[in-house]
PDB file of N, CA and C in Angstrom:
ATOM      1  N   UNK A   1      94.570  97.979  79.354  1.00  0.00           N
ATOM      2  CA  UNK A   1      95.387  97.428  80.340  1.00  0.00           C
ATOM      3  C   UNK A   1      94.995  98.194  81.753  1.00  0.00           C
ATOM      4  N   UNK A   2      94.945  97.412  82.637  1.00  0.00           N
ATOM      5  CA  UNK A   2      94.910  97.702  84.087  1.00  0.00           C
ATOM      6  C   UNK A   2      96.185  98.278  84.658  1.00  0.00           C
ATOM      7  N   UNK A   3      96.111  99.104  85.643  1.00  0.00           N
ATOM      8  CA  UNK A   3      97.324  99.574  86.154  1.00  0.00           C
ATOM      9  C   UNK A   3      97.835  98.471  87.282  1.00  0.00           C
ATOM     10  N   UNK A   4      99.019  98.181  87.473  1.00  0.00           N
ATOM     11  CA  UNK A   4      99.602  97.614  88.778  1.00  0.00           C
ATOM     12  C   UNK A   4     100.187  98.203  89.771  1.00  0.00           C
ATOM     13  N   UNK A   5     100.244  97.829  90.928  1.00  0.00           N
ATOM     14  CA  UNK A   5     101.131  98.424  91.840  1.00  0.00           C
ATOM     15  C   UNK A   5     102.508  97.795  91.876  1.00  0.00           C
ATOM     16  N   UNK A   6     103.420  98.667  92.409  1.00  0.00           N
ATOM     17  CA  UNK A   6     104.761  98.382  92.318  1.00  0.00           C
ATOM     18  C   UNK A   6     105.317  98.915  93.472  1.00  0.00           C
ATOM     19  N   UNK A   7     106.044  97.855  94.433  1.00  0.00           N
ATOM     20  CA  UNK A   7     106.493  98.345  95.714  1.00  0.00           C
ATOM     21  C   UNK A   7     108.085  98.914  95.899  1.00  0.00           C
ATOM     22  N   UNK A   8     108.353  99.869  96.560  1.00  0.00           N
ATOM     23  CA  UNK A   8     109.538 100.188  96.785  1.00  0.00           C
ATOM     24  C   UNK A   8     110.256  99.067  97.544  1.00  0.00           C
ATOM     25  N   UNK A   9     111.672  99.056  97.556  1.00  0.00           N
ATOM     26  CA  UNK A   9     112.287  97.942  98.174  1.00  0.00           C
ATOM     27  C   UNK A   9     111.938  98.215  99.721  1.00  0.00           C
ATOM     28  N   UNK A  10     111.996  99.240 100.307  1.00  0.00           N
ATOM     29  CA  UNK A  10     111.950  99.542 101.835  1.00  0.00           C
ATOM     30  C   UNK A  10     110.612  99.150 102.066  1.00  0.00           C
ATOM     31  N   UNK A  11     109.568  99.231 101.199  1.00  0.00           N
ATOM     32  CA  UNK A  11     108.149  98.804 101.549  1.00  0.00           C
ATOM     33  C   UNK A  11     108.104  97.425 101.692  1.00  0.00           C
ATOM     34  N   UNK A  12     108.775  96.716 100.780  1.00  0.00           N
ATOM     35  CA  UNK A  12     108.752  95.372 100.873  1.00  0.00           C
ATOM     36  C   UNK A  12     109.560  94.734 102.280  1.00  0.00           C
ATOM     37  N   UNK A  13     110.428  95.436 102.538  1.00  0.00           N
ATOM     38  CA  UNK A  13     111.155  95.033 103.803  1.00  0.00           C
ATOM     39  C   UNK A  13     110.459  95.167 104.777  1.00  0.00           C
ATOM     40  N   UNK A  14     109.380  96.162 104.872  1.00  0.00           N
ATOM     41  CA  UNK A  14     108.598  96.459 106.059  1.00  0.00           C
ATOM     42  C   UNK A  14     107.424  95.460 106.122  1.00  0.00           C
ATOM     43  N   UNK A  15     107.261  94.843 104.997  1.00  0.00           N
ATOM     44  CA  UNK A  15     106.067  93.973 104.872  1.00  0.00           C
ATOM     45  C   UNK A  15     106.432  92.499 105.466  1.00  0.00           C
ATOM     46  N   UNK A  16     107.648  92.162 105.303  1.00  0.00           N
ATOM     47  CA  UNK A  16     108.064  90.882 105.551  1.00  0.00           C
ATOM     48  C   UNK A  16     107.741  90.595 106.904  1.00  0.00           C
ATOM     49  N   UNK A  17     108.165  91.192 107.879  1.00  0.00           N
ATOM     50  CA  UNK A  17     107.993  90.951 109.451  1.00  0.00           C
ATOM     51  C   UNK A  17     106.607  90.999 110.154  1.00  0.00           C
ATOM     52  N   UNK A  18     105.702  91.792 109.355  1.00  0.00           N
ATOM     53  CA  UNK A  18     104.490  92.073 109.916  1.00  0.00           C
ATOM     54  C   UNK A  18     103.501  90.675 109.876  1.00  0.00           C
ATOM     55  N   UNK A  19     102.565  90.759 110.617  1.00  0.00           N
ATOM     56  CA  UNK A  19     101.480  89.787 110.662  1.00  0.00           C
ATOM     57  C   UNK A  19     100.752  89.632 109.182  1.00  0.00           C
ATOM     58  N   UNK A  20     100.448  88.333 108.957  1.00  0.00           N
ATOM     59  CA  UNK A  20      99.847  87.971 107.682  1.00  0.00           C
ATOM     60  C   UNK A  20      98.503  88.855 107.448  1.00  0.00           C
ATOM     61  N   UNK A  21      97.784  88.891 108.545  1.00  0.00           N
ATOM     62  CA  UNK A  21      96.526  89.666 108.251  1.00  0.00           C
ATOM     63  C   UNK A  21      96.750  91.170 107.951  1.00  0.00           C
ATOM     64  N   UNK A  22      97.777  91.725 108.501  1.00  0.00           N
ATOM     65  CA  UNK A  22      98.012  93.185 108.302  1.00  0.00           C
ATOM     66  C   UNK A  22      98.504  93.222 106.972  1.00  0.00           C
ATOM     67  N   UNK A  23      99.444  92.198 106.593  1.00  0.00           N
ATOM     68  CA  UNK A  23     100.284  92.296 105.178  1.00  0.00           C
ATOM     69  C   UNK A  23      99.075  92.243 104.086  1.00  0.00           C
ATOM     70  N   UNK A  24      98.052  91.313 104.301  1.00  0.00           N
ATOM     71  CA  UNK A  24      96.876  91.161 103.457  1.00  0.00           C
ATOM     72  C   UNK A  24      96.035  92.478 103.465  1.00  0.00           C
ATOM     73  N   UNK A  25      95.679  92.980 104.465  1.00  0.00           N
ATOM     74  CA  UNK A  25      95.082  94.450 104.540  1.00  0.00           C
ATOM     75  C   UNK A  25      95.733  95.252 103.711  1.00  0.00           C
ATOM     76  N   UNK A  26      97.108  95.580 103.877  1.00  0.00           N
ATOM     77  CA  UNK A  26      97.797  96.473 103.039  1.00  0.00           C
ATOM     78  C   UNK A  26      97.760  96.214 101.537  1.00  0.00           C
ATOM     79  N   UNK A  27      97.886  94.884 101.268  1.00  0.00           N
ATOM     80  CA  UNK A  27      97.893  94.319  99.838  1.00  0.00           C
ATOM     81  C   UNK A  27      96.626  94.799  99.196  1.00  0.00           C
ATOM     82  N   UNK A  28      95.437  94.582  99.845  1.00  0.00           N
ATOM     83  CA  UNK A  28      94.098  94.832  99.487  1.00  0.00           C
ATOM     84  C   UNK A  28      93.987  96.489  98.860  1.00  0.00           C
ATOM     85  N   UNK A  29      94.690  97.311  99.815  1.00  0.00           N
ATOM     86  CA  UNK A  29      94.705  98.808  99.575  1.00  0.00           C
ATOM     87  C   UNK A  29      95.685  99.133  98.496  1.00  0.00           C
ATOM     88  N   UNK A  30      96.630  98.606  98.536  1.00  0.00           N
ATOM     89  CA  UNK A  30      97.728  98.576  97.226  1.00  0.00           C
ATOM     90  C   UNK A  30      96.801  98.248  95.944  1.00  0.00           C
ATOM     91  N   UNK A  31      96.087  97.206  96.103  1.00  0.00           N
ATOM     92  CA  UNK A  31      95.113  96.875  94.695  1.00  0.00           C
ATOM     93  C   UNK A  31      94.063  98.044  94.482  1.00  0.00           C
ATOM     94  N   UNK A  32      93.454  98.590  95.679  1.00  0.00           N
ATOM     95  CA  UNK A  32      92.381  99.474  95.425  1.00  0.00           C
ATOM     96  C   UNK A  32      92.953 100.728  94.633  1.00  0.00           C
ATOM     97  N   UNK A  33      94.308 101.035  95.099  1.00  0.00           N
ATOM     98  CA  UNK A  33      94.944 102.267  94.515  1.00  0.00           C
ATOM     99  C   UNK A  33      95.152 102.049  93.093  1.00  0.00           C
ATOM    100  N   UNK A  34      95.875 100.699  92.886  1.00  0.00           N
ATOM    101  CA  UNK A  34      96.129 100.501  91.356  1.00  0.00           C
ATOM    102  C   UNK A  34      94.599 100.505  90.665  1.00  0.00           C
ATOM    103  N   UNK A  35      93.670 100.153  91.311  1.00  0.00           N
ATOM    104  CA  UNK A  35      92.280  99.996  90.435  1.00  0.00           C
ATOM    105  C   UNK A  35      91.747 101.540  90.252  1.00  0.00           C
ATOM    106  N   UNK A  36      92.374 102.411  90.947  1.00  0.00           N
ATOM    107  CA  UNK A  36      91.847 103.862  90.746  1.00  0.00           C
ATOM    108  C   UNK A  36      93.074 104.846  90.707  1.00  0.00           C
ATOM    109  N   UNK A  37      93.972 104.685  89.803  1.00  0.00           N
ATOM    110  CA  UNK A  37      95.150 105.499  89.799  1.00  0.00           C
ATOM    111  C   UNK A  37      94.854 107.004  89.739  1.00  0.00           C
ATOM    112  N   UNK A  38      93.824 107.527  89.389  1.00  0.00           N
ATOM    113  CA  UNK A  38      93.477 108.971  89.265  1.00  0.00           C
ATOM    114  C   UNK A  38      93.033 109.523  90.751  1.00  0.00           C
ATOM    115  N   UNK A  39      92.917 108.623  91.653  1.00  0.00           N
ATOM    116  CA  UNK A  39      92.816 109.021  93.014  1.00  0.00           C
ATOM    117  C   UNK A  39      93.464 110.446  93.460  1.00  0.00           C
ATOM    118  N   UNK A  40      92.888 111.270  94.212  1.00  0.00           N
ATOM    119  CA  UNK A  40      93.629 112.453  94.619  1.00  0.00           C
ATOM    120  C   UNK A  40      93.466 112.302  96.164  1.00  0.00           C
ATOM    121  N   UNK A  41      94.476 113.204  96.722  1.00  0.00           N
ATOM    122  CA  UNK A  41      94.152 113.083  98.298  1.00  0.00           C
ATOM    123  C   UNK A  41      94.328 114.722  98.810  1.00  0.00           C
ATOM    124  N   UNK A  42      93.975 114.708 100.060  1.00  0.00           N
ATOM    125  CA  UNK A  42      93.969 116.110 100.590  1.00  0.00           C
ATOM    126  C   UNK A  42      95.302 116.330 100.905  1.00  0.00           C
ATOM    127  N   UNK A  43      96.150 115.496 101.273  1.00  0.00           N
ATOM    128  CA  UNK A  43      97.342 115.621 101.603  1.00  0.00           C
ATOM    129  C   UNK A  43      98.388 115.133 100.663  1.00  0.00           C
ATOM    130  N   UNK A  44      99.291 115.891 100.296  1.00  0.00           N
ATOM    131  CA  UNK A  44     100.336 115.570  99.078  1.00  0.00           C
ATOM    132  C   UNK A  44     101.706 116.096  99.603  1.00  0.00           C
ATOM    133  N   UNK A  45     102.624 115.380  99.096  1.00  0.00           N
ATOM    134  CA  UNK A  45     104.053 115.687  99.494  1.00  0.00           C
ATOM    135  C   UNK A  45     104.835 115.976  98.133  1.00  0.00           C
ATOM    136  N   UNK A  46     105.853 116.515  98.089  1.00  0.00           N
ATOM    137  CA  UNK A  46     106.585 116.636  96.829  1.00  0.00           C
ATOM    138  C   UNK A  46     107.949 115.923  97.090  1.00  0.00           C
ATOM    139  N   UNK A  47     108.371 115.110  96.217  1.00  0.00           N
ATOM    140  CA  UNK A  47     109.782 114.449  96.569  1.00  0.00           C
ATOM    141  C   UNK A  47     110.961 115.204  95.927  1.00  0.00           C
ATOM    142  N   UNK A  48     112.242 114.727  96.074  1.00  0.00           N
ATOM    143  CA  UNK A  48     113.232 115.357  95.589  1.00  0.00           C
ATOM    144  C   UNK A  48     113.201 115.838  94.129  1.00  0.00           C
ATOM    145  N   UNK A  49     112.637 114.851  93.374  1.00  0.00           N
ATOM    146  CA  UNK A  49     112.498 115.160  91.953  1.00  0.00           C
ATOM    147  C   UNK A  49     111.434 116.153  91.527  1.00  0.00           C
ATOM    148  N   UNK A  50     110.519 116.448  92.470  1.00  0.00           N
ATOM    149  CA  UNK A  50     109.325 117.362  92.234  1.00  0.00           C
ATOM    150  C   UNK A  50     107.959 116.575  91.816  1.00  0.00           C
ATOM    151  N   UNK A  51     108.098 115.455  92.048  1.00  0.00           N
ATOM    152  CA  UNK A  51     106.976 114.651  91.745  1.00  0.00           C
ATOM    153  C   UNK A  51     106.073 114.563  93.032  1.00  0.00           C
ATOM    154  N   UNK A  52     104.698 114.579  92.768  1.00  0.00           N
ATOM    155  CA  UNK A  52     103.821 114.573  93.696  1.00  0.00           C
ATOM    156  C   UNK A  52     103.516 113.419  94.220  1.00  0.00           C
ATOM    157  N   UNK A  53     103.536 113.304  95.664  1.00  0.00           N
ATOM    158  CA  UNK A  53     103.462 111.985  96.275  1.00  0.00           C
ATOM    159  C   UNK A  53     102.131 112.115  96.983  1.00  0.00           C
ATOM    160  N   UNK A  54     101.134 111.077  96.700  1.00  0.00           N
ATOM    161  CA  UNK A  54      99.800 111.147  97.340  1.00  0.00           C
ATOM    162  C   UNK A  54      99.856 110.350  98.647  1.00  0.00           C
ATOM    163  N   UNK A  55      98.906 110.866  99.517  1.00  0.00           N
ATOM    164  CA  UNK A  55      98.691 109.953 100.805  1.00  0.00           C
ATOM    165  C   UNK A  55      97.212 109.328 100.713  1.00  0.00           C
ATOM    166  N   UNK A  56      97.335 108.020 101.010  1.00  0.00           N
ATOM    167  CA  UNK A  56      95.993 107.269 101.147  1.00  0.00           C
ATOM    168  C   UNK A  56      96.025 106.691 102.382  1.00  0.00           C
ATOM    169  N   UNK A  57      94.994 106.914 103.150  1.00  0.00           N
ATOM    170  CA  UNK A  57      94.767 106.411 104.464  1.00  0.00           C
ATOM    171  C   UNK A  57      94.104 105.097 104.450  1.00  0.00           C
ATOM    172  N   UNK A  58      94.573 104.117 105.124  1.00  0.00           N
ATOM    173  CA  UNK A  58      93.925 102.796 105.296  1.00  0.00           C
ATOM    174  C   UNK A  58      94.063 102.270 106.771  1.00  0.00           C
ATOM    175  N   UNK A  59      92.768 102.470 107.342  1.00  0.00           N
ATOM    176  CA  UNK A  59      93.049 102.193 109.023  1.00  0.00           C
ATOM    177  C   UNK A  59      93.855 102.993 109.638  1.00  0.00           C
ATOM    178  N   UNK A  60      94.814 102.510 110.232  1.00  0.00           N
ATOM    179  CA  UNK A  60      95.898 102.958 110.903  1.00  0.00           C
ATOM    180  C   UNK A  60      97.126 103.164 110.130  1.00  0.00           C
ATOM    181  N   UNK A  61      97.070 102.981 108.784  1.00  0.00           N
ATOM    182  CA  UNK A  61      98.158 103.168 108.022  1.00  0.00           C
ATOM    183  C   UNK A  61      98.178 104.396 106.876  1.00  0.00           C
ATOM    184  N   UNK A  62      99.228 104.891 106.667  1.00  0.00           N
ATOM    185  CA  UNK A  62      99.338 105.822 105.634  1.00  0.00           C
ATOM    186  C   UNK A  62     100.153 105.243 104.485  1.00  0.00           C
ATOM    187  N   UNK A  63      99.641 105.204 103.350  1.00  0.00           N
ATOM    188  CA  UNK A  63     100.239 104.670 102.094  1.00  0.00           C
ATOM    189  C   UNK A  63     100.756 105.849 101.155  1.00  0.00           C
ATOM    190  N   UNK A  64     101.852 106.164 101.053  1.00  0.00           N
ATOM    191  CA  UNK A  64     102.400 107.261 100.125  1.00  0.00           C
ATOM    192  C   UNK A  64     102.628 106.656  98.603  1.00  0.00           C
ATOM    193  N   UNK A  65     102.086 107.089  97.803  1.00  0.00           N
ATOM    194  CA  UNK A  65     102.327 106.626  96.217  1.00  0.00           C
ATOM    195  C   UNK A  65     102.249 107.619  95.411  1.00  0.00           C
ATOM    196  N   UNK A  66     102.564 107.302  94.143  1.00  0.00           N
ATOM    197  CA  UNK A  66     102.473 108.212  92.977  1.00  0.00           C
ATOM    198  C   UNK A  66     102.179 107.265  91.690  1.00  0.00           C
ATOM    199  N   UNK A  67     101.365 107.873  90.850  1.00  0.00           N
ATOM    200  CA  UNK A  67     101.022 107.197  89.516  1.00  0.00           C
ATOM    201  C   UNK A  67     101.917 107.356  88.455  1.00  0.00           C
ATOM    202  N   UNK A  68     102.358 106.378  87.858  1.00  0.00           N
ATOM    203  CA  UNK A  68     103.243 106.404  86.550  1.00  0.00           C
ATOM    204  C   UNK A  68     102.334 105.996  85.491  1.00  0.00           C
ATOM    205  N   UNK A  69     101.732 107.191  84.956  1.00  0.00           N
ATOM    206  CA  UNK A  69     100.495 106.675  83.825  1.00  0.00           C
ATOM    207  C   UNK A  69     101.171 106.104  82.572  1.00  0.00           C
ATOM    208  N   UNK A  70     102.562 106.616  82.335  1.00  0.00           N
ATOM    209  CA  UNK A  70     103.210 106.214  81.052  1.00  0.00           C
ATOM    210  C   UNK A  70     103.314 104.706  80.889  1.00  0.00           C
ATOM    211  N   UNK A  71     103.509 103.901  81.961  1.00  0.00           N
ATOM    212  CA  UNK A  71     103.728 102.468  82.157  1.00  0.00           C
ATOM    213  C   UNK A  71     102.447 101.777  82.788  1.00  0.00           C
ATOM    214  N   UNK A  72     101.326 102.654  83.295  1.00  0.00           N
ATOM    215  CA  UNK A  72     100.288 102.165  83.995  1.00  0.00           C
ATOM    216  C   UNK A  72     100.723 101.270  85.126  1.00  0.00           C
ATOM    217  N   UNK A  73     101.371 102.168  86.138  1.00  0.00           N
ATOM    218  CA  UNK A  73     101.770 101.504  87.433  1.00  0.00           C
ATOM    219  C   UNK A  73     101.532 102.581  88.491  1.00  0.00           C
ATOM    220  N   UNK A  74     101.127 102.146  89.791  1.00  0.00           N
ATOM    221  CA  UNK A  74     101.229 103.028  90.851  1.00  0.00           C
ATOM    222  C   UNK A  74     102.409 102.486  91.696  1.00  0.00           C
ATOM    223  N   UNK A  75     103.228 103.389  92.009  1.00  0.00           N
ATOM    224  CA  UNK A  75     104.353 103.245  92.884  1.00  0.00           C
ATOM    225  C   UNK A  75     104.009 103.607  94.268  1.00  0.00           C
ATOM    226  N   UNK A  76     104.333 102.537  94.994  1.00  0.00           N
ATOM    227  CA  UNK A  76     104.149 102.599  96.453  1.00  0.00           C
ATOM    228  C   UNK A  76     105.315 102.747  97.062  1.00  0.00           C
ATOM    229  N   UNK A  77     105.631 103.816  97.534  1.00  0.00           N
ATOM    230  CA  UNK A  77     106.990 104.352  98.186  1.00  0.00           C
ATOM    231  C   UNK A  77     107.196 104.469  99.602  1.00  0.00           C
ATOM    232  N   UNK A  78     106.073 104.332 100.232  1.00  0.00           N
ATOM    233  CA  UNK A  78     106.217 104.429 101.668  1.00  0.00           C
ATOM    234  C   UNK A  78     104.868 103.946 102.385  1.00  0.00           C
ATOM    235  N   UNK A  79     105.176 103.268 103.529  1.00  0.00           N
ATOM    236  CA  UNK A  79     103.976 102.923 104.320  1.00  0.00           C
ATOM    237  C   UNK A  79     104.227 102.939 105.612  1.00  0.00           C
ATOM    238  N   UNK A  80     103.381 103.884 106.320  1.00  0.00           N
ATOM    239  CA  UNK A  80     103.676 104.206 107.811  1.00  0.00           C
ATOM    240  C   UNK A  80     102.523 103.825 108.748  1.00  0.00           C
ATOM    241  N   UNK A  81     102.839 103.126 109.865  1.00  0.00           N
ATOM    242  CA  UNK A  81     101.694 103.002 110.771  1.00  0.00           C
ATOM    243  C   UNK A  81     101.688 104.198 111.604  1.00  0.00           C
ATOM    244  N   UNK A  82     100.471 104.528 111.772  1.00  0.00           N
ATOM    245  CA  UNK A  82      99.840 105.697 112.719  1.00  0.00           C
ATOM    246  C   UNK A  82      99.783 105.198 114.134  1.00  0.00           C
ATOM    247  N   UNK A  83     100.516 105.607 115.037  1.00  0.00           N
ATOM    248  CA  UNK A  83     100.396 105.222 116.444  1.00  0.00           C
ATOM    249  C   UNK A  83      99.548 105.987 117.361  1.00  0.00           C
TER     250      UNK A  83
END
């Protein structure tokens, strides 16, 4: 079974108003993360529960995510545009 990506509600709200082309760009990168859930990044964060949050750089965007291997999902918890 392959991994799927799951978006946090705040990420969904961010995606609605942006241009279709940018949204498709981000979705392609969400799919790339799900295709390789064992990706590691140089920059990591730790959330309030102690979970490691990985950073994935996609053009001018930073995607924050963590893998949930038990259910074969990658959780996209934040998307930030670098200005």
